[in-house]
Amino acid sequence: PYDFLANVSNEIINNIKGINRVVYDISSKPPATIEWE
């Protein structure tokens, strides 16, 4: 799965102007309970 995620993020970064980072959450918590600090 990590190879797939790396490939997808590289495709996004290399092909979409203005995108320089792709962040994905691999925690088991539902998105509604995640807080960014």
N, C-alpha and C. Protein backbone atom coordinates (compact mmCIF):
# COMPACT_ATOMS: atom_id res chain seq x y z
N PRO A 1 0.80 -1.21 0.00
CA PRO A 1 0.00 0.00 0.00
C PRO A 1 0.84 1.28 0.00
N TYR A 2 2.02 1.25 0.63
CA TYR A 2 2.83 2.47 0.68
C TYR A 2 3.40 2.83 -0.68
N ASP A 3 3.72 1.83 -1.48
CA ASP A 3 4.19 2.11 -2.85
C ASP A 3 3.09 2.78 -3.66
N PHE A 4 1.88 2.30 -3.51
CA PHE A 4 0.75 2.90 -4.23
C PHE A 4 0.55 4.36 -3.80
N LEU A 5 0.57 4.60 -2.49
CA LEU A 5 0.39 5.97 -1.99
C LEU A 5 1.51 6.88 -2.46
N ALA A 6 2.74 6.38 -2.49
CA ALA A 6 3.86 7.17 -2.98
C ALA A 6 3.69 7.50 -4.46
N ASN A 7 3.25 6.53 -5.24
CA ASN A 7 3.03 6.76 -6.67
C ASN A 7 1.93 7.78 -6.91
N VAL A 8 0.84 7.66 -6.19
CA VAL A 8 -0.28 8.60 -6.36
C VAL A 8 0.15 10.00 -5.96
N SER A 9 0.83 10.13 -4.83
CA SER A 9 1.24 11.47 -4.40
C SER A 9 2.25 12.08 -5.36
N ASN A 10 3.15 11.28 -5.90
CA ASN A 10 4.10 11.80 -6.88
C ASN A 10 3.40 12.25 -8.15
N GLU A 11 2.41 11.50 -8.60
CA GLU A 11 1.65 11.89 -9.79
C GLU A 11 0.93 13.22 -9.56
N ILE A 12 0.33 13.37 -8.40
CA ILE A 12 -0.38 14.62 -8.09
C ILE A 12 0.60 15.79 -8.06
N ILE A 13 1.72 15.62 -7.35
CA ILE A 13 2.70 16.69 -7.22
C ILE A 13 3.31 17.06 -8.57
N ASN A 14 3.61 16.07 -9.39
CA ASN A 14 4.28 16.33 -10.66
C ASN A 14 3.35 16.86 -11.74
N ASN A 15 2.05 16.61 -11.64
CA ASN A 15 1.14 16.94 -12.73
C ASN A 15 0.16 18.07 -12.46
N ILE A 16 0.07 18.53 -11.22
CA ILE A 16 -0.86 19.61 -10.91
C ILE A 16 -0.06 20.82 -10.46
N LYS A 17 -0.14 21.88 -11.24
CA LYS A 17 0.61 23.10 -10.94
C LYS A 17 0.13 23.70 -9.62
N GLY A 18 1.07 24.11 -8.80
CA GLY A 18 0.74 24.74 -7.53
C GLY A 18 0.66 23.77 -6.36
N ILE A 19 0.69 22.48 -6.62
CA ILE A 19 0.65 21.49 -5.54
C ILE A 19 2.08 21.06 -5.24
N ASN A 20 2.50 21.20 -3.99
CA ASN A 20 3.86 20.79 -3.63
C ASN A 20 3.90 19.79 -2.48
N ARG A 21 2.71 19.38 -2.01
CA ARG A 21 2.68 18.42 -0.92
C ARG A 21 1.36 17.67 -0.93
N VAL A 22 1.42 16.38 -0.64
CA VAL A 22 0.22 15.56 -0.49
C VAL A 22 0.30 14.93 0.90
N VAL A 23 -0.75 15.11 1.68
CA VAL A 23 -0.78 14.58 3.04
C VAL A 23 -1.93 13.58 3.14
N TYR A 24 -1.65 12.42 3.69
CA TYR A 24 -2.71 11.44 3.90
C TYR A 24 -2.64 10.91 5.31
N ASP A 25 -3.79 10.61 5.86
CA ASP A 25 -3.91 10.16 7.24
C ASP A 25 -4.10 8.65 7.24
N ILE A 26 -3.21 7.95 7.93
CA ILE A 26 -3.32 6.49 7.97
C ILE A 26 -3.73 5.99 9.36
N SER A 27 -4.23 6.91 10.19
CA SER A 27 -4.67 6.49 11.51
C SER A 27 -6.00 5.75 11.41
N SER A 28 -6.34 5.04 12.46
CA SER A 28 -7.59 4.28 12.47
C SER A 28 -8.76 5.11 12.98
N LYS A 29 -8.50 6.35 13.41
CA LYS A 29 -9.57 7.19 13.92
C LYS A 29 -10.40 7.76 12.77
N PRO A 30 -11.71 7.91 12.97
CA PRO A 30 -12.54 8.54 11.94
C PRO A 30 -12.12 10.00 11.75
N PRO A 31 -12.28 10.54 10.56
CA PRO A 31 -11.83 11.91 10.28
C PRO A 31 -12.42 12.96 11.22
N ALA A 32 -13.63 12.77 11.71
CA ALA A 32 -14.27 13.77 12.55
C ALA A 32 -13.57 13.93 13.90
N THR A 33 -12.77 12.94 14.30
CA THR A 33 -12.14 13.02 15.61
C THR A 33 -10.68 13.46 15.53
N ILE A 34 -10.21 13.76 14.34
CA ILE A 34 -8.81 14.15 14.18
C ILE A 34 -8.70 15.66 14.28
N GLU A 35 -7.78 16.14 15.08
CA GLU A 35 -7.58 17.57 15.24
C GLU A 35 -6.16 17.93 14.83
N TRP A 36 -6.03 18.95 13.97
CA TRP A 36 -4.71 19.44 13.57
C TRP A 36 -4.26 20.46 14.59
N GLU A 37 -2.99 20.42 14.96
CA GLU A 37 -2.43 21.40 15.89
C GLU A 37 -1.31 22.15 15.24
